[in-house]
PDB file of N, CA and C in Angstrom:
ATOM      1  N   UNK A   1      36.831  52.650 -80.787  1.00  0.00           N
ATOM      2  CA  UNK A   1      36.655  51.823 -79.665  1.00  0.00           C
ATOM      3  C   UNK A   1      36.860  52.226 -78.426  1.00  0.00           C
ATOM      4  N   UNK A   2      37.692  53.342 -78.386  1.00  0.00           N
ATOM      5  CA  UNK A   2      37.680  54.553 -77.283  1.00  0.00           C
ATOM      6  C   UNK A   2      36.533  54.874 -76.941  1.00  0.00           C
ATOM      7  N   UNK A   3      35.545  55.280 -77.587  1.00  0.00           N
ATOM      8  CA  UNK A   3      34.230  55.830 -77.357  1.00  0.00           C
ATOM      9  C   UNK A   3      33.375  54.834 -76.724  1.00  0.00           C
ATOM     10  N   UNK A   4      33.482  53.675 -77.277  1.00  0.00           N
ATOM     11  CA  UNK A   4      32.573  52.596 -76.656  1.00  0.00           C
ATOM     12  C   UNK A   4      33.259  52.193 -75.139  1.00  0.00           C
ATOM     13  N   UNK A   5      34.288  51.937 -74.900  1.00  0.00           N
ATOM     14  CA  UNK A   5      35.161  51.600 -73.733  1.00  0.00           C
ATOM     15  C   UNK A   5      34.663  52.951 -72.655  1.00  0.00           C
ATOM     16  N   UNK A   6      34.331  54.118 -73.274  1.00  0.00           N
ATOM     17  CA  UNK A   6      34.417  55.307 -72.486  1.00  0.00           C
ATOM     18  C   UNK A   6      32.569  55.098 -71.848  1.00  0.00           C
ATOM     19  N   UNK A   7      31.966  54.916 -73.060  1.00  0.00           N
ATOM     20  CA  UNK A   7      30.570  54.619 -72.633  1.00  0.00           C
ATOM     21  C   UNK A   7      30.389  53.556 -71.579  1.00  0.00           C
ATOM     22  N   UNK A   8      30.823  52.222 -72.018  1.00  0.00           N
ATOM     23  CA  UNK A   8      30.631  51.395 -71.084  1.00  0.00           C
ATOM     24  C   UNK A   8      31.058  51.667 -69.748  1.00  0.00           C
ATOM     25  N   UNK A   9      32.232  52.549 -69.486  1.00  0.00           N
ATOM     26  CA  UNK A   9      32.838  52.856 -68.360  1.00  0.00           C
ATOM     27  C   UNK A   9      32.094  53.532 -67.697  1.00  0.00           C
ATOM     28  N   UNK A  10      31.336  54.463 -68.292  1.00  0.00           N
ATOM     29  CA  UNK A  10      30.471  55.727 -67.416  1.00  0.00           C
ATOM     30  C   UNK A  10      28.972  54.766 -67.194  1.00  0.00           C
ATOM     31  N   UNK A  11      28.993  53.743 -68.041  1.00  0.00           N
ATOM     32  CA  UNK A  11      27.387  53.001 -67.686  1.00  0.00           C
ATOM     33  C   UNK A  11      27.985  52.281 -66.345  1.00  0.00           C
ATOM     34  N   UNK A  12      29.149  51.736 -66.112  1.00  0.00           N
ATOM     35  CA  UNK A  12      29.396  50.780 -64.888  1.00  0.00           C
ATOM     36  C   UNK A  12      29.400  51.763 -63.873  1.00  0.00           C
ATOM     37  N   UNK A  13      30.149  53.040 -64.001  1.00  0.00           N
ATOM     38  CA  UNK A  13      30.205  53.987 -62.869  1.00  0.00           C
ATOM     39  C   UNK A  13      28.687  54.369 -62.453  1.00  0.00           C
ATOM     40  N   UNK A  14      27.754  54.503 -63.267  1.00  0.00           N
ATOM     41  CA  UNK A  14      26.491  54.869 -63.010  1.00  0.00           C
ATOM     42  C   UNK A  14      25.751  53.799 -62.254  1.00  0.00           C
ATOM     43  N   UNK A  15      26.165  52.800 -62.806  1.00  0.00           N
ATOM     44  CA  UNK A  15      25.273  51.670 -61.931  1.00  0.00           C
ATOM     45  C   UNK A  15      25.776  51.564 -60.633  1.00  0.00           C
ATOM     46  N   UNK A  16      27.139  51.694 -60.405  1.00  0.00           N
ATOM     47  CA  UNK A  16      27.767  51.796 -59.113  1.00  0.00           C
ATOM     48  C   UNK A  16      27.532  52.811 -58.056  1.00  0.00           C
ATOM     49  N   UNK A  17      27.330  53.835 -58.820  1.00  0.00           N
ATOM     50  CA  UNK A  17      26.606  55.032 -57.888  1.00  0.00           C
ATOM     51  C   UNK A  17      25.125  54.899 -57.622  1.00  0.00           C
ATOM     52  N   UNK A  18      24.387  54.662 -58.542  1.00  0.00           N
ATOM     53  CA  UNK A  18      22.951  54.704 -58.143  1.00  0.00           C
ATOM     54  C   UNK A  18      22.560  53.016 -57.129  1.00  0.00           C
ATOM     55  N   UNK A  19      23.423  51.967 -57.204  1.00  0.00           N
ATOM     56  CA  UNK A  19      23.504  50.704 -56.566  1.00  0.00           C
ATOM     57  C   UNK A  19      24.088  50.883 -55.193  1.00  0.00           C
ATOM     58  N   UNK A  20      25.287  51.622 -54.868  1.00  0.00           N
ATOM     59  CA  UNK A  20      25.477  51.778 -53.848  1.00  0.00           C
ATOM     60  C   UNK A  20      25.874  52.878 -52.979  1.00  0.00           C
ATOM     61  N   UNK A  21      26.267  53.937 -53.946  1.00  0.00           N
ATOM     62  CA  UNK A  21      26.357  55.418 -53.208  1.00  0.00           C
ATOM     63  C   UNK A  21      25.169  55.978 -52.816  1.00  0.00           C
ATOM     64  N   UNK A  22      24.115  55.539 -53.573  1.00  0.00           N
ATOM     65  CA  UNK A  22      22.831  56.546 -53.539  1.00  0.00           C
ATOM     66  C   UNK A  22      22.188  56.178 -52.111  1.00  0.00           C
ATOM     67  N   UNK A  23      22.693  55.240 -51.326  1.00  0.00           N
ATOM     68  CA  UNK A  23      22.058  54.974 -50.124  1.00  0.00           C
ATOM     69  C   UNK A  23      22.372  56.191 -49.109  1.00  0.00           C
ATOM     70  N   UNK A  24      23.713  56.248 -49.352  1.00  0.00           N
ATOM     71  CA  UNK A  24      24.412  57.440 -48.409  1.00  0.00           C
ATOM     72  C   UNK A  24      24.034  58.830 -48.662  1.00  0.00           C
ATOM     73  N   UNK A  25      23.277  59.095 -49.756  1.00  0.00           N
ATOM     74  CA  UNK A  25      22.670  60.391 -49.961  1.00  0.00           C
ATOM     75  C   UNK A  25      22.205  60.964 -48.957  1.00  0.00           C
ATOM     76  N   UNK A  26      22.046  62.503 -48.961  1.00  0.00           N
ATOM     77  CA  UNK A  26      21.261  63.025 -47.735  1.00  0.00           C
ATOM     78  C   UNK A  26      19.801  62.752 -47.577  1.00  0.00           C
ATOM     79  N   UNK A  27      19.574  62.430 -46.170  1.00  0.00           N
ATOM     80  CA  UNK A  27      17.987  62.238 -45.903  1.00  0.00           C
ATOM     81  C   UNK A  27      17.512  63.742 -45.671  1.00  0.00           C
ATOM     82  N   UNK A  28      18.107  64.631 -45.794  1.00  0.00           N
ATOM     83  CA  UNK A  28      17.262  65.811 -45.368  1.00  0.00           C
ATOM     84  C   UNK A  28      16.376  66.315 -46.468  1.00  0.00           C
ATOM     85  N   UNK A  29      15.399  66.933 -46.170  1.00  0.00           N
ATOM     86  CA  UNK A  29      14.130  67.230 -47.365  1.00  0.00           C
ATOM     87  C   UNK A  29      14.849  68.100 -48.275  1.00  0.00           C
ATOM     88  N   UNK A  30      14.311  68.084 -49.653  1.00  0.00           N
ATOM     89  CA  UNK A  30      14.630  68.795 -50.785  1.00  0.00           C
ATOM     90  C   UNK A  30      14.126  70.295 -50.677  1.00  0.00           C
ATOM     91  N   UNK A  31      14.583  71.168 -51.550  1.00  0.00           N
ATOM     92  CA  UNK A  31      14.444  72.385 -51.574  1.00  0.00           C
ATOM     93  C   UNK A  31      12.633  73.037 -51.097  1.00  0.00           C
ATOM     94  N   UNK A  32      11.842  72.390 -52.015  1.00  0.00           N
ATOM     95  CA  UNK A  32      10.443  72.741 -51.898  1.00  0.00           C
ATOM     96  C   UNK A  32      10.054  72.134 -50.708  1.00  0.00           C
ATOM     97  N   UNK A  33      10.232  70.924 -49.999  1.00  0.00           N
ATOM     98  CA  UNK A  33       9.868  70.277 -48.994  1.00  0.00           C
ATOM     99  C   UNK A  33      10.500  71.273 -47.713  1.00  0.00           C
ATOM    100  N   UNK A  34      11.675  71.708 -47.908  1.00  0.00           N
ATOM    101  CA  UNK A  34      12.166  72.456 -46.848  1.00  0.00           C
ATOM    102  C   UNK A  34      11.354  73.535 -46.407  1.00  0.00           C
ATOM    103  N   UNK A  35      11.285  74.567 -47.489  1.00  0.00           N
ATOM    104  CA  UNK A  35      10.513  75.774 -47.610  1.00  0.00           C
ATOM    105  C   UNK A  35       9.081  75.630 -46.944  1.00  0.00           C
ATOM    106  N   UNK A  36       8.424  74.433 -47.601  1.00  0.00           N
ATOM    107  CA  UNK A  36       7.085  74.087 -46.939  1.00  0.00           C
ATOM    108  C   UNK A  36       7.144  73.934 -45.457  1.00  0.00           C
ATOM    109  N   UNK A  37       8.016  73.090 -44.827  1.00  0.00           N
ATOM    110  CA  UNK A  37       8.249  73.275 -43.276  1.00  0.00           C
ATOM    111  C   UNK A  37       8.249  74.213 -42.823  1.00  0.00           C
ATOM    112  N   UNK A  38       9.260  75.207 -43.375  1.00  0.00           N
ATOM    113  CA  UNK A  38       9.717  76.466 -42.702  1.00  0.00           C
ATOM    114  C   UNK A  38       8.711  77.569 -42.600  1.00  0.00           C
ATOM    115  N   UNK A  39       7.873  77.464 -43.910  1.00  0.00           N
ATOM    116  CA  UNK A  39       6.726  78.380 -43.794  1.00  0.00           C
ATOM    117  C   UNK A  39       5.377  77.933 -43.220  1.00  0.00           C
ATOM    118  N   UNK A  40       5.232  76.697 -43.059  1.00  0.00           N
ATOM    119  CA  UNK A  40       4.386  76.095 -42.164  1.00  0.00           C
ATOM    120  C   UNK A  40       3.209  75.446 -43.006  1.00  0.00           C
ATOM    121  N   UNK A  41       3.249  75.254 -44.190  1.00  0.00           N
ATOM    122  CA  UNK A  41       2.302  74.802 -45.115  1.00  0.00           C
ATOM    123  C   UNK A  41       2.300  73.266 -45.541  1.00  0.00           C
ATOM    124  N   UNK A  42       3.492  72.557 -44.838  1.00  0.00           N
ATOM    125  CA  UNK A  42       3.762  71.247 -45.205  1.00  0.00           C
ATOM    126  C   UNK A  42       2.639  70.363 -44.846  1.00  0.00           C
ATOM    127  N   UNK A  43       1.607  70.754 -43.890  1.00  0.00           N
ATOM    128  CA  UNK A  43       0.586  69.792 -43.470  1.00  0.00           C
ATOM    129  C   UNK A  43      -0.471  69.803 -44.596  1.00  0.00           C
ATOM    130  N   UNK A  44      -0.456  70.865 -45.550  1.00  0.00           N
ATOM    131  CA  UNK A  44      -1.716  70.808 -46.462  1.00  0.00           C
ATOM    132  C   UNK A  44      -1.252  70.109 -47.680  1.00  0.00           C
ATOM    133  N   UNK A  45      -0.032  69.346 -47.570  1.00  0.00           N
ATOM    134  CA  UNK A  45       0.589  68.407 -48.811  1.00  0.00           C
ATOM    135  C   UNK A  45      -0.336  67.372 -48.846  1.00  0.00           C
ATOM    136  N   UNK A  46      -0.550  67.036 -50.058  1.00  0.00           N
ATOM    137  CA  UNK A  46      -1.252  65.582 -50.400  1.00  0.00           C
ATOM    138  C   UNK A  46      -0.305  64.609 -50.870  1.00  0.00           C
ATOM    139  N   UNK A  47      -0.502  63.314 -50.573  1.00  0.00           N
ATOM    140  CA  UNK A  47       0.107  62.060 -51.065  1.00  0.00           C
ATOM    141  C   UNK A  47       0.242  62.052 -52.427  1.00  0.00           C
ATOM    142  N   UNK A  48       1.278  61.937 -53.093  1.00  0.00           N
ATOM    143  CA  UNK A  48       1.562  61.868 -54.489  1.00  0.00           C
ATOM    144  C   UNK A  48       0.631  60.747 -55.126  1.00  0.00           C
ATOM    145  N   UNK A  49       0.092  61.022 -56.311  1.00  0.00           N
ATOM    146  CA  UNK A  49      -0.778  59.866 -57.037  1.00  0.00           C
ATOM    147  C   UNK A  49      -0.033  58.782 -57.319  1.00  0.00           C
ATOM    148  N   UNK A  50       1.180  58.752 -57.541  1.00  0.00           N
ATOM    149  CA  UNK A  50       2.024  57.666 -57.763  1.00  0.00           C
ATOM    150  C   UNK A  50       2.909  56.850 -56.822  1.00  0.00           C
ATOM    151  N   UNK A  51       2.335  57.277 -55.278  1.00  0.00           N
ATOM    152  CA  UNK A  51       3.044  56.628 -54.188  1.00  0.00           C
ATOM    153  C   UNK A  51       2.941  55.300 -54.164  1.00  0.00           C
ATOM    154  N   UNK A  52       1.835  54.392 -54.812  1.00  0.00           N
ATOM    155  CA  UNK A  52       1.799  53.043 -54.875  1.00  0.00           C
ATOM    156  C   UNK A  52       2.570  52.433 -56.163  1.00  0.00           C
ATOM    157  N   UNK A  53       3.304  53.044 -56.777  1.00  0.00           N
ATOM    158  CA  UNK A  53       4.147  52.563 -57.725  1.00  0.00           C
ATOM    159  C   UNK A  53       5.217  51.818 -57.155  1.00  0.00           C
ATOM    160  N   UNK A  54       5.767  50.973 -57.780  1.00  0.00           N
ATOM    161  CA  UNK A  54       7.082  49.915 -57.519  1.00  0.00           C
ATOM    162  C   UNK A  54       8.376  50.644 -57.218  1.00  0.00           C
ATOM    163  N   UNK A  55       8.534  51.560 -57.846  1.00  0.00           N
ATOM    164  CA  UNK A  55       9.677  52.330 -57.684  1.00  0.00           C
ATOM    165  C   UNK A  55       9.471  53.942 -57.123  1.00  0.00           C
ATOM    166  N   UNK A  56       8.495  53.900 -56.245  1.00  0.00           N
ATOM    167  CA  UNK A  56       8.236  55.384 -55.653  1.00  0.00           C
ATOM    168  C   UNK A  56       8.700  55.523 -54.462  1.00  0.00           C
ATOM    169  N   UNK A  57       9.306  56.883 -54.144  1.00  0.00           N
ATOM    170  CA  UNK A  57       9.892  57.330 -53.073  1.00  0.00           C
ATOM    171  C   UNK A  57      11.311  56.550 -52.495  1.00  0.00           C
ATOM    172  N   UNK A  58      12.179  56.624 -53.872  1.00  0.00           N
ATOM    173  CA  UNK A  58      13.358  56.291 -53.724  1.00  0.00           C
ATOM    174  C   UNK A  58      13.773  54.683 -53.260  1.00  0.00           C
ATOM    175  N   UNK A  59      12.899  53.974 -53.673  1.00  0.00           N
ATOM    176  CA  UNK A  59      13.186  52.569 -53.244  1.00  0.00           C
ATOM    177  C   UNK A  59      12.302  51.768 -54.029  1.00  0.00           C
ATOM    178  N   UNK A  60      12.475  50.440 -53.804  1.00  0.00           N
ATOM    179  CA  UNK A  60      11.714  49.209 -54.641  1.00  0.00           C
ATOM    180  C   UNK A  60      10.527  48.811 -53.410  1.00  0.00           C
ATOM    181  N   UNK A  61       9.328  48.801 -54.040  1.00  0.00           N
ATOM    182  CA  UNK A  61       8.280  48.045 -53.014  1.00  0.00           C
ATOM    183  C   UNK A  61       8.618  46.562 -53.122  1.00  0.00           C
ATOM    184  N   UNK A  62       8.484  46.183 -52.074  1.00  0.00           N
ATOM    185  CA  UNK A  62       8.385  44.766 -51.660  1.00  0.00           C
ATOM    186  C   UNK A  62       9.643  44.428 -51.067  1.00  0.00           C
ATOM    187  N   UNK A  63      10.605  45.296 -51.102  1.00  0.00           N
ATOM    188  CA  UNK A  63      11.917  44.800 -50.606  1.00  0.00           C
ATOM    189  C   UNK A  63      12.120  45.418 -49.004  1.00  0.00           C
ATOM    190  N   UNK A  64      12.497  44.984 -48.171  1.00  0.00           N
ATOM    191  CA  UNK A  64      12.199  45.651 -46.619  1.00  0.00           C
ATOM    192  C   UNK A  64      13.416  46.068 -46.535  1.00  0.00           C
ATOM    193  N   UNK A  65      14.542  45.577 -46.869  1.00  0.00           N
ATOM    194  CA  UNK A  65      16.218  46.049 -46.471  1.00  0.00           C
ATOM    195  C   UNK A  65      16.204  47.519 -47.182  1.00  0.00           C
ATOM    196  N   UNK A  66      16.199  48.464 -46.502  1.00  0.00           N
ATOM    197  CA  UNK A  66      16.345  49.947 -47.143  1.00  0.00           C
ATOM    198  C   UNK A  66      17.609  50.016 -47.982  1.00  0.00           C
ATOM    199  N   UNK A  67      18.571  49.548 -47.596  1.00  0.00           N
ATOM    200  CA  UNK A  67      19.878  49.695 -48.522  1.00  0.00           C
ATOM    201  C   UNK A  67      19.474  48.864 -49.655  1.00  0.00           C
ATOM    202  N   UNK A  68      19.129  47.623 -49.711  1.00  0.00           N
ATOM    203  CA  UNK A  68      18.667  47.026 -51.105  1.00  0.00           C
ATOM    204  C   UNK A  68      17.802  47.728 -51.799  1.00  0.00           C
ATOM    205  N   UNK A  69      16.790  48.095 -51.215  1.00  0.00           N
ATOM    206  CA  UNK A  69      15.572  48.619 -51.740  1.00  0.00           C
ATOM    207  C   UNK A  69      15.964  49.788 -52.534  1.00  0.00           C
ATOM    208  N   UNK A  70      16.720  50.861 -51.888  1.00  0.00           N
ATOM    209  CA  UNK A  70      17.055  52.101 -52.673  1.00  0.00           C
ATOM    210  C   UNK A  70      18.302  51.588 -53.842  1.00  0.00           C
ATOM    211  N   UNK A  71      19.276  50.771 -53.503  1.00  0.00           N
ATOM    212  CA  UNK A  71      20.222  50.313 -54.553  1.00  0.00           C
ATOM    213  C   UNK A  71      19.292  49.674 -55.771  1.00  0.00           C
ATOM    214  N   UNK A  72      18.349  48.820 -55.436  1.00  0.00           N
ATOM    215  CA  UNK A  72      17.785  48.209 -56.576  1.00  0.00           C
ATOM    216  C   UNK A  72      16.876  49.135 -57.464  1.00  0.00           C
ATOM    217  N   UNK A  73      16.203  50.078 -56.761  1.00  0.00           N
ATOM    218  CA  UNK A  73      15.606  51.115 -57.501  1.00  0.00           C
ATOM    219  C   UNK A  73      16.479  52.153 -58.248  1.00  0.00           C
ATOM    220  N   UNK A  74      17.603  52.598 -57.963  1.00  0.00           N
ATOM    221  CA  UNK A  74      18.797  53.031 -58.673  1.00  0.00           C
ATOM    222  C   UNK A  74      19.256  52.443 -59.744  1.00  0.00           C
ATOM    223  N   UNK A  75      19.483  51.128 -59.693  1.00  0.00           N
ATOM    224  CA  UNK A  75      20.290  50.276 -60.735  1.00  0.00           C
ATOM    225  C   UNK A  75      19.018  50.266 -61.751  1.00  0.00           C
ATOM    226  N   UNK A  76      17.796  50.018 -61.432  1.00  0.00           N
ATOM    227  CA  UNK A  76      16.703  49.916 -62.313  1.00  0.00           C
ATOM    228  C   UNK A  76      16.455  51.212 -62.986  1.00  0.00           C
ATOM    229  N   UNK A  77      16.755  52.484 -62.238  1.00  0.00           N
ATOM    230  CA  UNK A  77      16.506  53.510 -62.937  1.00  0.00           C
ATOM    231  C   UNK A  77      17.587  53.807 -64.047  1.00  0.00           C
ATOM    232  N   UNK A  78      18.854  53.545 -63.661  1.00  0.00           N
ATOM    233  CA  UNK A  78      19.998  53.793 -64.532  1.00  0.00           C
ATOM    234  C   UNK A  78      19.705  52.780 -65.808  1.00  0.00           C
ATOM    235  N   UNK A  79      19.378  51.658 -65.642  1.00  0.00           N
ATOM    236  CA  UNK A  79      19.351  50.508 -66.927  1.00  0.00           C
ATOM    237  C   UNK A  79      18.209  51.128 -68.011  1.00  0.00           C
ATOM    238  N   UNK A  80      16.940  51.504 -67.253  1.00  0.00           N
ATOM    239  CA  UNK A  80      15.673  52.093 -67.984  1.00  0.00           C
ATOM    240  C   UNK A  80      16.294  53.245 -68.719  1.00  0.00           C
ATOM    241  N   UNK A  81      17.035  54.385 -67.970  1.00  0.00           N
ATOM    242  CA  UNK A  81      17.034  55.456 -68.595  1.00  0.00           C
ATOM    243  C   UNK A  81      18.259  55.204 -69.626  1.00  0.00           C
ATOM    244  N   UNK A  82      19.230  54.332 -69.608  1.00  0.00           N
ATOM    245  CA  UNK A  82      20.131  54.045 -70.522  1.00  0.00           C
ATOM    246  C   UNK A  82      19.451  53.457 -71.629  1.00  0.00           C
ATOM    247  N   UNK A  83      18.496  52.475 -71.538  1.00  0.00           N
ATOM    248  CA  UNK A  83      17.655  51.933 -72.645  1.00  0.00           C
ATOM    249  C   UNK A  83      16.671  52.724 -73.276  1.00  0.00           C
ATOM    250  N   UNK A  84      16.227  53.725 -72.849  1.00  0.00           N
ATOM    251  CA  UNK A  84      15.475  54.727 -73.380  1.00  0.00           C
ATOM    252  C   UNK A  84      16.290  55.935 -74.090  1.00  0.00           C
ATOM    253  N   UNK A  85      17.175  56.282 -73.462  1.00  0.00           N
ATOM    254  CA  UNK A  85      17.825  57.545 -74.238  1.00  0.00           C
ATOM    255  C   UNK A  85      18.846  56.440 -75.397  1.00  0.00           C
ATOM    256  N   UNK A  86      19.247  55.099 -75.369  1.00  0.00           N
ATOM    257  CA  UNK A  86      19.956  54.714 -76.359  1.00  0.00           C
ATOM    258  C   UNK A  86      19.067  54.590 -77.496  1.00  0.00           C
ATOM    259  N   UNK A  87      17.745  54.081 -77.344  1.00  0.00           N
ATOM    260  CA  UNK A  87      16.700  53.978 -78.345  1.00  0.00           C
ATOM    261  C   UNK A  87      16.704  55.289 -78.898  1.00  0.00           C
ATOM    262  N   UNK A  88      16.340  56.607 -78.136  1.00  0.00           N
ATOM    263  CA  UNK A  88      16.225  57.724 -78.997  1.00  0.00           C
ATOM    264  C   UNK A  88      17.692  58.036 -79.813  1.00  0.00           C
ATOM    265  N   UNK A  89      18.608  57.981 -79.337  1.00  0.00           N
ATOM    266  CA  UNK A  89      20.000  58.219 -80.161  1.00  0.00           C
ATOM    267  C   UNK A  89      19.976  57.615 -81.324  1.00  0.00           C
ATOM    268  N   UNK A  90      19.605  56.254 -80.967  1.00  0.00           N
ATOM    269  CA  UNK A  90      19.530  55.334 -82.383  1.00  0.00           C
ATOM    270  C   UNK A  90      18.598  55.756 -83.317  1.00  0.00           C
ATOM    271  N   UNK A  91      17.457  56.211 -82.833  1.00  0.00           N
ATOM    272  CA  UNK A  91      16.416  56.877 -83.769  1.00  0.00           C
ATOM    273  C   UNK A  91      16.774  58.244 -84.462  1.00  0.00           C
ATOM    274  N   UNK A  92      17.372  59.272 -83.678  1.00  0.00           N
ATOM    275  CA  UNK A  92      17.751  60.330 -84.255  1.00  0.00           C
ATOM    276  C   UNK A  92      19.459  60.433 -84.938  1.00  0.00           C
ATOM    277  N   UNK A  93      19.884  59.515 -84.867  1.00  0.00           N
ATOM    278  CA  UNK A  93      21.442  59.610 -85.421  1.00  0.00           C
ATOM    279  C   UNK A  93      21.270  59.793 -86.760  1.00  0.00           C
ATOM    280  N   UNK A  94      22.376  60.516 -87.354  1.00  0.00           N
ATOM    281  CA  UNK A  94      22.366  60.532 -88.965  1.00  0.00           C
ATOM    282  C   UNK A  94      22.924  59.364 -89.541  1.00  0.00           C
ATOM    283  N   UNK A  95      22.245  59.158 -90.678  1.00  0.00           N
ATOM    284  CA  UNK A  95      22.935  57.822 -91.500  1.00  0.00           C
ATOM    285  C   UNK A  95      24.275  58.237 -91.796  1.00  0.00           C
ATOM    286  N   UNK A  96      25.409  57.402 -91.597  1.00  0.00           N
ATOM    287  CA  UNK A  96      26.478  57.832 -92.322  1.00  0.00           C
ATOM    288  C   UNK A  96      26.819  56.895 -93.572  1.00  0.00           C
ATOM    289  N   UNK A  97      27.709  57.209 -94.356  1.00  0.00           N
ATOM    290  CA  UNK A  97      27.843  56.250 -95.653  1.00  0.00           C
ATOM    291  C   UNK A  97      28.214  54.833 -95.367  1.00  0.00           C
ATOM    292  N   UNK A  98      28.813  54.649 -94.241  1.00  0.00           N
ATOM    293  CA  UNK A  98      29.409  53.437 -94.046  1.00  0.00           C
ATOM    294  C   UNK A  98      29.143  53.062 -92.248  1.00  0.00           C
ATOM    295  N   UNK A  99      29.260  51.649 -92.186  1.00  0.00           N
ATOM    296  CA  UNK A  99      29.241  51.048 -90.822  1.00  0.00           C
ATOM    297  C   UNK A  99      30.284  51.441 -90.133  1.00  0.00           C
ATOM    298  N   UNK A 100      29.895  51.777 -88.825  1.00  0.00           N
ATOM    299  CA  UNK A 100      31.205  51.933 -87.634  1.00  0.00           C
ATOM    300  C   UNK A 100      31.233  51.082 -86.600  1.00  0.00           C
TER     301      UNK A 100
END
């Protein structure tokens, strides 16, 4: 029971961080983009082939409010990652003698 409570608490904390706090993350470029700007080859960068995907560029396409768009993308990302990782864990877990 303690493990289940811990996992649920972690999931809720992740949803809060992704949905609310992520909007306040740094807007400065990441390391590679910063180096490209400093050295001067940022102009040669090409648009990402996935730039039209609904969750590209840390936002949710179709939502005009940047705070809501970033939060929605974060929450969806946490839910999808949680679902995929839970599926993998269920697939690879060792079968025990009894149900827990």
